[in-house]
Amino acid sequence: MRKKIILLACAGTLALSACENLTPREQLIVGGLAGATVGLMTAGAISANPNWTLLAILGGAAVGTLVARNHATNECAYAAGNGRYRVVRCP
């Protein structure tokens, strides 16, 4: 199990390095997918039943889309919930 976690962490780090020049909308999508993946992995780690697994995936996706950060301009994009987002300076 420990080897799998280390392998996933390394793969995630490599995958995130490819996300440098994304638009804010693309960052929200990547954040949502990453959040859903973390939710799924967490539910699997605690052997949750299918209902809790679905809830963990949806919760992870929601948290992942809340914020995306552009490191080049130090701006964060926050999802407004209606398909739009607002970009402000990161705290």
PDB file of N, CA and C in Angstrom:
ATOM      1  N   MET A   1       0.831  -1.196   0.000  1.00  0.00           N
ATOM      2  CA  MET A   1       0.000   0.000   0.000  1.00  0.00           C
ATOM      3  C   MET A   1       0.874   1.257   0.000  1.00  0.00           C
ATOM      4  N   ARG A   2       1.965   1.202   0.757  1.00  0.00           N
ATOM      5  CA  ARG A   2       2.834   2.376   0.850  1.00  0.00           C
ATOM      6  C   ARG A   2       3.479   2.695  -0.496  1.00  0.00           C
ATOM      7  N   LYS A   3       3.847   1.658  -1.244  1.00  0.00           N
ATOM      8  CA  LYS A   3       4.442   1.860  -2.564  1.00  0.00           C
ATOM      9  C   LYS A   3       3.451   2.521  -3.518  1.00  0.00           C
ATOM     10  N   LYS A   4       2.195   2.123  -3.428  1.00  0.00           N
ATOM     11  CA  LYS A   4       1.158   2.715  -4.289  1.00  0.00           C
ATOM     12  C   LYS A   4       0.982   4.202  -3.992  1.00  0.00           C
ATOM     13  N   ILE A   5       0.991   4.552  -2.723  1.00  0.00           N
ATOM     14  CA  ILE A   5       0.823   5.951  -2.341  1.00  0.00           C
ATOM     15  C   ILE A   5       2.003   6.785  -2.828  1.00  0.00           C
ATOM     16  N   ILE A   6       3.201   6.273  -2.662  1.00  0.00           N
ATOM     17  CA  ILE A   6       4.390   7.001  -3.137  1.00  0.00           C
ATOM     18  C   ILE A   6       4.360   7.139  -4.644  1.00  0.00           C
ATOM     19  N   LEU A   7       3.968   6.081  -5.356  1.00  0.00           N
ATOM     20  CA  LEU A   7       3.880   6.125  -6.813  1.00  0.00           C
ATOM     21  C   LEU A   7       2.844   7.147  -7.270  1.00  0.00           C
ATOM     22  N   LEU A   8       1.687   7.161  -6.619  1.00  0.00           N
ATOM     23  CA  LEU A   8       0.651   8.132  -6.966  1.00  0.00           C
ATOM     24  C   LEU A   8       1.092   9.567  -6.674  1.00  0.00           C
ATOM     25  N   ALA A   9       1.806   9.762  -5.576  1.00  0.00           N
ATOM     26  CA  ALA A   9       2.290  11.104  -5.241  1.00  0.00           C
ATOM     27  C   ALA A   9       3.294  11.588  -6.280  1.00  0.00           C
ATOM     28  N   CYS A  10       4.184  10.708  -6.712  1.00  0.00           N
ATOM     29  CA  CYS A  10       5.168  11.082  -7.738  1.00  0.00           C
ATOM     30  C   CYS A  10       4.486  11.372  -9.067  1.00  0.00           C
ATOM     31  N   ALA A  11       3.528  10.540  -9.452  1.00  0.00           N
ATOM     32  CA  ALA A  11       2.803  10.756 -10.704  1.00  0.00           C
ATOM     33  C   ALA A  11       2.017  12.060 -10.645  1.00  0.00           C
ATOM     34  N   GLY A  12       1.416  12.351  -9.506  1.00  0.00           N
ATOM     35  CA  GLY A  12       0.679  13.602  -9.348  1.00  0.00           C
ATOM     36  C   GLY A  12       1.571  14.816  -9.451  1.00  0.00           C
ATOM     37  N   THR A  13       2.754  14.727  -8.878  1.00  0.00           N
ATOM     38  CA  THR A  13       3.702  15.833  -8.961  1.00  0.00           C
ATOM     39  C   THR A  13       4.121  16.086 -10.398  1.00  0.00           C
ATOM     40  N   LEU A  14       4.400  15.037 -11.131  1.00  0.00           N
ATOM     41  CA  LEU A  14       4.758  15.187 -12.541  1.00  0.00           C
ATOM     42  C   LEU A  14       3.598  15.746 -13.360  1.00  0.00           C
ATOM     43  N   ALA A  15       2.399  15.292 -13.067  1.00  0.00           N
ATOM     44  CA  ALA A  15       1.230  15.777 -13.808  1.00  0.00           C
ATOM     45  C   ALA A  15       0.976  17.253 -13.537  1.00  0.00           C
ATOM     46  N   LEU A  16       1.163  17.690 -12.303  1.00  0.00           N
ATOM     47  CA  LEU A  16       0.927  19.091 -11.968  1.00  0.00           C
ATOM     48  C   LEU A  16       1.948  20.028 -12.596  1.00  0.00           C
ATOM     49  N   SER A  17       3.127  19.513 -12.884  1.00  0.00           N
ATOM     50  CA  SER A  17       4.138  20.362 -13.516  1.00  0.00           C
ATOM     51  C   SER A  17       3.740  20.741 -14.939  1.00  0.00           C
ATOM     52  N   ALA A  18       2.835  19.999 -15.529  1.00  0.00           N
ATOM     53  CA  ALA A  18       2.357  20.308 -16.880  1.00  0.00           C
ATOM     54  C   ALA A  18       1.249  21.354 -16.867  1.00  0.00           C
ATOM     55  N   CYS A  19       0.823  21.817 -15.717  1.00  0.00           N
ATOM     56  CA  CYS A  19      -0.310  22.727 -15.590  1.00  0.00           C
ATOM     57  C   CYS A  19       0.110  24.179 -15.453  1.00  0.00           C
ATOM     58  N   GLU A  20       1.288  24.528 -15.872  1.00  0.00           N
ATOM     59  CA  GLU A  20       1.801  25.872 -15.627  1.00  0.00           C
ATOM     60  C   GLU A  20       1.110  26.951 -16.453  1.00  0.00           C
ATOM     61  N   ASN A  21       0.868  26.715 -17.723  1.00  0.00           N
ATOM     62  CA  ASN A  21       0.331  27.760 -18.603  1.00  0.00           C
ATOM     63  C   ASN A  21      -1.120  27.515 -18.984  1.00  0.00           C
ATOM     64  N   LEU A  22      -1.954  27.177 -18.032  1.00  0.00           N
ATOM     65  CA  LEU A  22      -3.358  26.940 -18.303  1.00  0.00           C
ATOM     66  C   LEU A  22      -4.168  28.219 -18.101  1.00  0.00           C
ATOM     67  N   THR A  23      -5.279  28.324 -18.828  1.00  0.00           N
ATOM     68  CA  THR A  23      -6.203  29.439 -18.614  1.00  0.00           C
ATOM     69  C   THR A  23      -6.924  29.206 -17.292  1.00  0.00           C
ATOM     70  N   PRO A  24      -7.540  30.235 -16.729  1.00  0.00           N
ATOM     71  CA  PRO A  24      -8.272  30.028 -15.466  1.00  0.00           C
ATOM     72  C   PRO A  24      -9.357  28.957 -15.572  1.00  0.00           C
ATOM     73  N   ARG A  25     -10.040  28.895 -16.714  1.00  0.00           N
ATOM     74  CA  ARG A  25     -11.082  27.870 -16.887  1.00  0.00           C
ATOM     75  C   ARG A  25     -10.469  26.464 -16.878  1.00  0.00           C
ATOM     76  N   GLU A  26      -9.349  26.308 -17.560  1.00  0.00           N
ATOM     77  CA  GLU A  26      -8.668  25.014 -17.569  1.00  0.00           C
ATOM     78  C   GLU A  26      -8.165  24.655 -16.173  1.00  0.00           C
ATOM     79  N   GLN A  27      -7.712  25.641 -15.411  1.00  0.00           N
ATOM     80  CA  GLN A  27      -7.255  25.388 -14.053  1.00  0.00           C
ATOM     81  C   GLN A  27      -8.407  24.912 -13.172  1.00  0.00           C
ATOM     82  N   LEU A  28      -9.600  25.462 -13.386  1.00  0.00           N
ATOM     83  CA  LEU A  28     -10.760  25.019 -12.619  1.00  0.00           C
ATOM     84  C   LEU A  28     -11.095  23.568 -12.938  1.00  0.00           C
ATOM     85  N   ILE A  29     -11.005  23.210 -14.220  1.00  0.00           N
ATOM     86  CA  ILE A  29     -11.298  21.838 -14.623  1.00  0.00           C
ATOM     87  C   ILE A  29     -10.280  20.882 -14.017  1.00  0.00           C
ATOM     88  N   VAL A  30      -9.007  21.236 -14.115  1.00  0.00           N
ATOM     89  CA  VAL A  30      -7.956  20.387 -13.545  1.00  0.00           C
ATOM     90  C   VAL A  30      -8.127  20.291 -12.029  1.00  0.00           C
ATOM     91  N   GLY A  31      -8.461  21.400 -11.387  1.00  0.00           N
ATOM     92  CA  GLY A  31      -8.689  21.378  -9.940  1.00  0.00           C
ATOM     93  C   GLY A  31      -9.842  20.469  -9.561  1.00  0.00           C
ATOM     94  N   GLY A  32     -10.918  20.520 -10.345  1.00  0.00           N
ATOM     95  CA  GLY A  32     -12.063  19.653 -10.080  1.00  0.00           C
ATOM     96  C   GLY A  32     -11.718  18.183 -10.240  1.00  0.00           C
ATOM     97  N   LEU A  33     -10.983  17.866 -11.302  1.00  0.00           N
ATOM     98  CA  LEU A  33     -10.575  16.471 -11.506  1.00  0.00           C
ATOM     99  C   LEU A  33      -9.616  15.999 -10.417  1.00  0.00           C
ATOM    100  N   ALA A  34      -8.701  16.863 -10.033  1.00  0.00           N
ATOM    101  CA  ALA A  34      -7.769  16.500  -8.962  1.00  0.00           C
ATOM    102  C   ALA A  34      -8.511  16.302  -7.646  1.00  0.00           C
ATOM    103  N   GLY A  35      -9.457  17.181  -7.356  1.00  0.00           N
ATOM    104  CA  GLY A  35     -10.237  17.046  -6.127  1.00  0.00           C
ATOM    105  C   GLY A  35     -11.064  15.766  -6.114  1.00  0.00           C
ATOM    106  N   ALA A  36     -11.672  15.444  -7.260  1.00  0.00           N
ATOM    107  CA  ALA A  36     -12.449  14.207  -7.348  1.00  0.00           C
ATOM    108  C   ALA A  36     -11.552  12.989  -7.158  1.00  0.00           C
ATOM    109  N   THR A  37     -10.349  13.049  -7.713  1.00  0.00           N
ATOM    110  CA  THR A  37      -9.403  11.935  -7.554  1.00  0.00           C
ATOM    111  C   THR A  37      -8.995  11.758  -6.099  1.00  0.00           C
ATOM    112  N   VAL A  38      -8.717  12.863  -5.435  1.00  0.00           N
ATOM    113  CA  VAL A  38      -8.351  12.785  -4.012  1.00  0.00           C
ATOM    114  C   VAL A  38      -9.527  12.243  -3.199  1.00  0.00           C
ATOM    115  N   GLY A  39     -10.739  12.664  -3.519  1.00  0.00           N
ATOM    116  CA  GLY A  39     -11.918  12.143  -2.828  1.00  0.00           C
ATOM    117  C   GLY A  39     -12.073  10.647  -3.020  1.00  0.00           C
ATOM    118  N   LEU A  40     -11.847  10.185  -4.256  1.00  0.00           N
ATOM    119  CA  LEU A  40     -11.945   8.755  -4.543  1.00  0.00           C
ATOM    120  C   LEU A  40     -10.865   7.971  -3.803  1.00  0.00           C
ATOM    121  N   MET A  41      -9.643   8.491  -3.803  1.00  0.00           N
ATOM    122  CA  MET A  41      -8.556   7.805  -3.101  1.00  0.00           C
ATOM    123  C   MET A  41      -8.805   7.765  -1.596  1.00  0.00           C
ATOM    124  N   THR A  42      -9.334   8.841  -1.050  1.00  0.00           N
ATOM    125  CA  THR A  42      -9.625   8.874   0.382  1.00  0.00           C
ATOM    126  C   THR A  42     -10.719   7.873   0.733  1.00  0.00           C
ATOM    127  N   ALA A  43     -11.775   7.836  -0.081  1.00  0.00           N
ATOM    128  CA  ALA A  43     -12.856   6.888   0.180  1.00  0.00           C
ATOM    129  C   ALA A  43     -12.361   5.450   0.066  1.00  0.00           C
ATOM    130  N   GLY A  44     -11.480   5.196  -0.897  1.00  0.00           N
ATOM    131  CA  GLY A  44     -10.922   3.853  -1.023  1.00  0.00           C
ATOM    132  C   GLY A  44     -10.026   3.489   0.135  1.00  0.00           C
ATOM    133  N   ALA A  45      -9.288   4.467   0.651  1.00  0.00           N
ATOM    134  CA  ALA A  45      -8.370   4.205   1.764  1.00  0.00           C
ATOM    135  C   ALA A  45      -9.113   3.836   3.042  1.00  0.00           C
ATOM    136  N   ILE A  46     -10.306   4.393   3.214  1.00  0.00           N
ATOM    137  CA  ILE A  46     -11.075   4.085   4.425  1.00  0.00           C
ATOM    138  C   ILE A  46     -12.157   3.040   4.172  1.00  0.00           C
ATOM    139  N   SER A  47     -12.145   2.447   2.973  1.00  0.00           N
ATOM    140  CA  SER A  47     -13.103   1.389   2.599  1.00  0.00           C
ATOM    141  C   SER A  47     -14.545   1.853   2.783  1.00  0.00           C
ATOM    142  N   ALA A  48     -14.854   3.015   2.255  1.00  0.00           N
ATOM    143  CA  ALA A  48     -16.198   3.572   2.376  1.00  0.00           C
ATOM    144  C   ALA A  48     -17.171   2.809   1.484  1.00  0.00           C
ATOM    145  N   ASN A  49     -18.446   2.817   1.855  1.00  0.00           N
ATOM    146  CA  ASN A  49     -19.449   2.174   1.017  1.00  0.00           C
ATOM    147  C   ASN A  49     -19.701   3.042  -0.224  1.00  0.00           C
ATOM    148  N   PRO A  50     -20.406   2.543  -1.234  1.00  0.00           N
ATOM    149  CA  PRO A  50     -20.577   3.290  -2.485  1.00  0.00           C
ATOM    150  C   PRO A  50     -21.217   4.673  -2.320  1.00  0.00           C
ATOM    151  N   ASN A  51     -22.134   4.819  -1.395  1.00  0.00           N
ATOM    152  CA  ASN A  51     -22.771   6.128  -1.193  1.00  0.00           C
ATOM    153  C   ASN A  51     -21.774   7.155  -0.675  1.00  0.00           C
ATOM    154  N   TRP A  52     -20.957   6.762   0.289  1.00  0.00           N
ATOM    155  CA  TRP A  52     -19.955   7.675   0.837  1.00  0.00           C
ATOM    156  C   TRP A  52     -18.847   7.934  -0.171  1.00  0.00           C
ATOM    157  N   THR A  53     -18.553   6.956  -1.005  1.00  0.00           N
ATOM    158  CA  THR A  53     -17.548   7.146  -2.055  1.00  0.00           C
ATOM    159  C   THR A  53     -18.018   8.219  -3.026  1.00  0.00           C
ATOM    160  N   LEU A  54     -19.263   8.138  -3.446  1.00  0.00           N
ATOM    161  CA  LEU A  54     -19.819   9.148  -4.353  1.00  0.00           C
ATOM    162  C   LEU A  54     -19.809  10.524  -3.700  1.00  0.00           C
ATOM    163  N   LEU A  55     -20.163  10.584  -2.437  1.00  0.00           N
ATOM    164  CA  LEU A  55     -20.150  11.857  -1.716  1.00  0.00           C
ATOM    165  C   LEU A  55     -18.732  12.418  -1.610  1.00  0.00           C
ATOM    166  N   ALA A  56     -17.756  11.570  -1.382  1.00  0.00           N
ATOM    167  CA  ALA A  56     -16.356  12.006  -1.295  1.00  0.00           C
ATOM    168  C   ALA A  56     -15.874  12.526  -2.650  1.00  0.00           C
ATOM    169  N   ILE A  57     -16.259  11.866  -3.734  1.00  0.00           N
ATOM    170  CA  ILE A  57     -15.868  12.311  -5.073  1.00  0.00           C
ATOM    171  C   ILE A  57     -16.479  13.671  -5.380  1.00  0.00           C
ATOM    172  N   LEU A  58     -17.763  13.822  -5.123  1.00  0.00           N
ATOM    173  CA  LEU A  58     -18.435  15.102  -5.389  1.00  0.00           C
ATOM    174  C   LEU A  58     -17.891  16.221  -4.509  1.00  0.00           C
ATOM    175  N   GLY A  59     -17.643  15.914  -3.250  1.00  0.00           N
ATOM    176  CA  GLY A  59     -17.069  16.915  -2.349  1.00  0.00           C
ATOM    177  C   GLY A  59     -15.676  17.324  -2.778  1.00  0.00           C
ATOM    178  N   GLY A  60     -14.867  16.359  -3.170  1.00  0.00           N
ATOM    179  CA  GLY A  60     -13.521  16.659  -3.642  1.00  0.00           C
ATOM    180  C   GLY A  60     -13.531  17.504  -4.903  1.00  0.00           C
ATOM    181  N   ALA A  61     -14.436  17.192  -5.817  1.00  0.00           N
ATOM    182  CA  ALA A  61     -14.552  17.977  -7.047  1.00  0.00           C
ATOM    183  C   ALA A  61     -14.989  19.406  -6.741  1.00  0.00           C
ATOM    184  N   ALA A  62     -15.919  19.569  -5.807  1.00  0.00           N
ATOM    185  CA  ALA A  62     -16.387  20.908  -5.447  1.00  0.00           C
ATOM    186  C   ALA A  62     -15.261  21.731  -4.834  1.00  0.00           C
ATOM    187  N   VAL A  63     -14.510  21.136  -3.944  1.00  0.00           N
ATOM    188  CA  VAL A  63     -13.395  21.847  -3.318  1.00  0.00           C
ATOM    189  C   VAL A  63     -12.309  22.163  -4.334  1.00  0.00           C
ATOM    190  N   GLY A  64     -12.048  21.237  -5.242  1.00  0.00           N
ATOM    191  CA  GLY A  64     -11.017  21.442  -6.251  1.00  0.00           C
ATOM    192  C   GLY A  64     -11.317  22.569  -7.208  1.00  0.00           C
ATOM    193  N   THR A  65     -12.599  22.827  -7.482  1.00  0.00           N
ATOM    194  CA  THR A  65     -12.957  23.896  -8.414  1.00  0.00           C
ATOM    195  C   THR A  65     -13.117  25.244  -7.739  1.00  0.00           C
ATOM    196  N   LEU A  66     -13.035  25.293  -6.427  1.00  0.00           N
ATOM    197  CA  LEU A  66     -13.212  26.572  -5.744  1.00  0.00           C
ATOM    198  C   LEU A  66     -12.107  27.560  -6.066  1.00  0.00           C
ATOM    199  N   VAL A  67     -10.910  27.073  -6.249  1.00  0.00           N
ATOM    200  CA  VAL A  67      -9.818  28.005  -6.481  1.00  0.00           C
ATOM    201  C   VAL A  67      -8.792  27.387  -7.426  1.00  0.00           C
ATOM    202  N   ALA A  68      -8.282  28.232  -8.302  1.00  0.00           N
ATOM    203  CA  ALA A  68      -7.158  27.869  -9.161  1.00  0.00           C
ATOM    204  C   ALA A  68      -6.183  29.029  -9.092  1.00  0.00           C
ATOM    205  N   ARG A  69      -4.905  28.736  -9.117  1.00  0.00           N
ATOM    206  CA  ARG A  69      -3.913  29.793  -8.931  1.00  0.00           C
ATOM    207  C   ARG A  69      -2.992  29.903 -10.133  1.00  0.00           C
ATOM    208  N   ASN A  70      -2.813  31.127 -10.605  1.00  0.00           N
ATOM    209  CA  ASN A  70      -1.862  31.408 -11.673  1.00  0.00           C
ATOM    210  C   ASN A  70      -0.607  31.949 -11.005  1.00  0.00           C
ATOM    211  N   HIS A  71       0.433  31.144 -10.959  1.00  0.00           N
ATOM    212  CA  HIS A  71       1.653  31.536 -10.259  1.00  0.00           C
ATOM    213  C   HIS A  71       2.409  32.646 -10.985  1.00  0.00           C
ATOM    214  N   ALA A  72       2.253  32.728 -12.300  1.00  0.00           N
ATOM    215  CA  ALA A  72       2.977  33.747 -13.065  1.00  0.00           C
ATOM    216  C   ALA A  72       2.489  35.151 -12.726  1.00  0.00           C
ATOM    217  N   THR A  73       1.171  35.309 -12.519  1.00  0.00           N
ATOM    218  CA  THR A  73       0.606  36.633 -12.231  1.00  0.00           C
ATOM    219  C   THR A  73       0.162  36.781 -10.784  1.00  0.00           C
ATOM    220  N   ASN A  74       0.286  35.715  -9.977  1.00  0.00           N
ATOM    221  CA  ASN A  74      -0.151  35.707  -8.582  1.00  0.00           C
ATOM    222  C   ASN A  74      -1.629  36.065  -8.457  1.00  0.00           C
ATOM    223  N   GLU A  75      -2.453  35.481  -9.358  1.00  0.00           N
ATOM    224  CA  GLU A  75      -3.902  35.678  -9.318  1.00  0.00           C
ATOM    225  C   GLU A  75      -4.574  34.338  -9.061  1.00  0.00           C
ATOM    226  N   CYS A  76      -5.701  34.394  -8.361  1.00  0.00           N
ATOM    227  CA  CYS A  76      -6.489  33.199  -8.081  1.00  0.00           C
ATOM    228  C   CYS A  76      -7.844  33.329  -8.757  1.00  0.00           C
ATOM    229  N   ALA A  77      -8.332  32.228  -9.317  1.00  0.00           N
ATOM    230  CA  ALA A  77      -9.647  32.209  -9.948  1.00  0.00           C
ATOM    231  C   ALA A  77     -10.593  31.437  -9.037  1.00  0.00           C
ATOM    232  N   TYR A  78     -11.684  32.068  -8.666  1.00  0.00           N
ATOM    233  CA  TYR A  78     -12.681  31.454  -7.799  1.00  0.00           C
ATOM    234  C   TYR A  78     -13.940  31.185  -8.604  1.00  0.00           C
ATOM    235  N   ALA A  79     -14.475  29.976  -8.521  1.00  0.00           N
ATOM    236  CA  ALA A  79     -15.695  29.621  -9.228  1.00  0.00           C
ATOM    237  C   ALA A  79     -16.870  30.337  -8.582  1.00  0.00           C
ATOM    238  N   ALA A  80     -17.732  30.912  -9.426  1.00  0.00           N
ATOM    239  CA  ALA A  80     -18.906  31.618  -8.915  1.00  0.00           C
ATOM    240  C   ALA A  80     -20.095  30.680  -8.766  1.00  0.00           C
ATOM    241  N   GLY A  81     -20.014  29.482  -9.349  1.00  0.00           N
ATOM    242  CA  GLY A  81     -21.105  28.526  -9.221  1.00  0.00           C
ATOM    243  C   GLY A  81     -22.114  28.601 -10.341  1.00  0.00           C
ATOM    244  N   ASN A  82     -22.016  29.589 -11.206  1.00  0.00           N
ATOM    245  CA  ASN A  82     -22.950  29.735 -12.323  1.00  0.00           C
ATOM    246  C   ASN A  82     -22.249  29.569 -13.666  1.00  0.00           C
ATOM    247  N   GLY A  83     -21.103  28.914 -13.669  1.00  0.00           N
ATOM    248  CA  GLY A  83     -20.346  28.718 -14.892  1.00  0.00           C
ATOM    249  C   GLY A  83     -19.321  29.805 -15.151  1.00  0.00           C
ATOM    250  N   ARG A  84     -19.289  30.801 -14.317  1.00  0.00           N
ATOM    251  CA  ARG A  84     -18.328  31.891 -14.451  1.00  0.00           C
ATOM    252  C   ARG A  84     -17.348  31.842 -13.292  1.00  0.00           C
ATOM    253  N   TYR A  85     -16.320  32.636 -13.390  1.00  0.00           N
ATOM    254  CA  TYR A  85     -15.342  32.715 -12.321  1.00  0.00           C
ATOM    255  C   TYR A  85     -14.855  34.143 -12.194  1.00  0.00           C
ATOM    256  N   ARG A  86     -14.309  34.469 -11.039  1.00  0.00           N
ATOM    257  CA  ARG A  86     -13.748  35.803 -10.838  1.00  0.00           C
ATOM    258  C   ARG A  86     -12.269  35.629 -10.497  1.00  0.00           C
ATOM    259  N   VAL A  87     -11.482  36.518 -11.060  1.00  0.00           N
ATOM    260  CA  VAL A  87     -10.032  36.464 -10.856  1.00  0.00           C
ATOM    261  C   VAL A  87      -9.627  37.631  -9.986  1.00  0.00           C
ATOM    262  N   VAL A  88      -8.969  37.335  -8.877  1.00  0.00           N
ATOM    263  CA  VAL A  88      -8.493  38.363  -7.945  1.00  0.00           C
ATOM    264  C   VAL A  88      -7.057  38.027  -7.544  1.00  0.00           C
ATOM    265  N   ARG A  89      -6.394  38.980  -6.939  1.00  0.00           N
ATOM    266  CA  ARG A  89      -5.025  38.764  -6.455  1.00  0.00           C
ATOM    267  C   ARG A  89      -5.084  37.735  -5.322  1.00  0.00           C
ATOM    268  N   CYS A  90      -4.148  36.795  -5.343  1.00  0.00           N
ATOM    269  CA  CYS A  90      -4.142  35.734  -4.315  1.00  0.00           C
ATOM    270  C   CYS A  90      -3.740  36.301  -2.958  1.00  0.00           C
ATOM    271  N   PRO A  91      -4.345  35.761  -1.882  1.00  0.00           N
ATOM    272  CA  PRO A  91      -3.979  36.225  -0.546  1.00  0.00           C
ATOM    273  C   PRO A  91      -2.600  35.782  -0.131  1.00  0.00           C
TER     274      PRO A  91
END
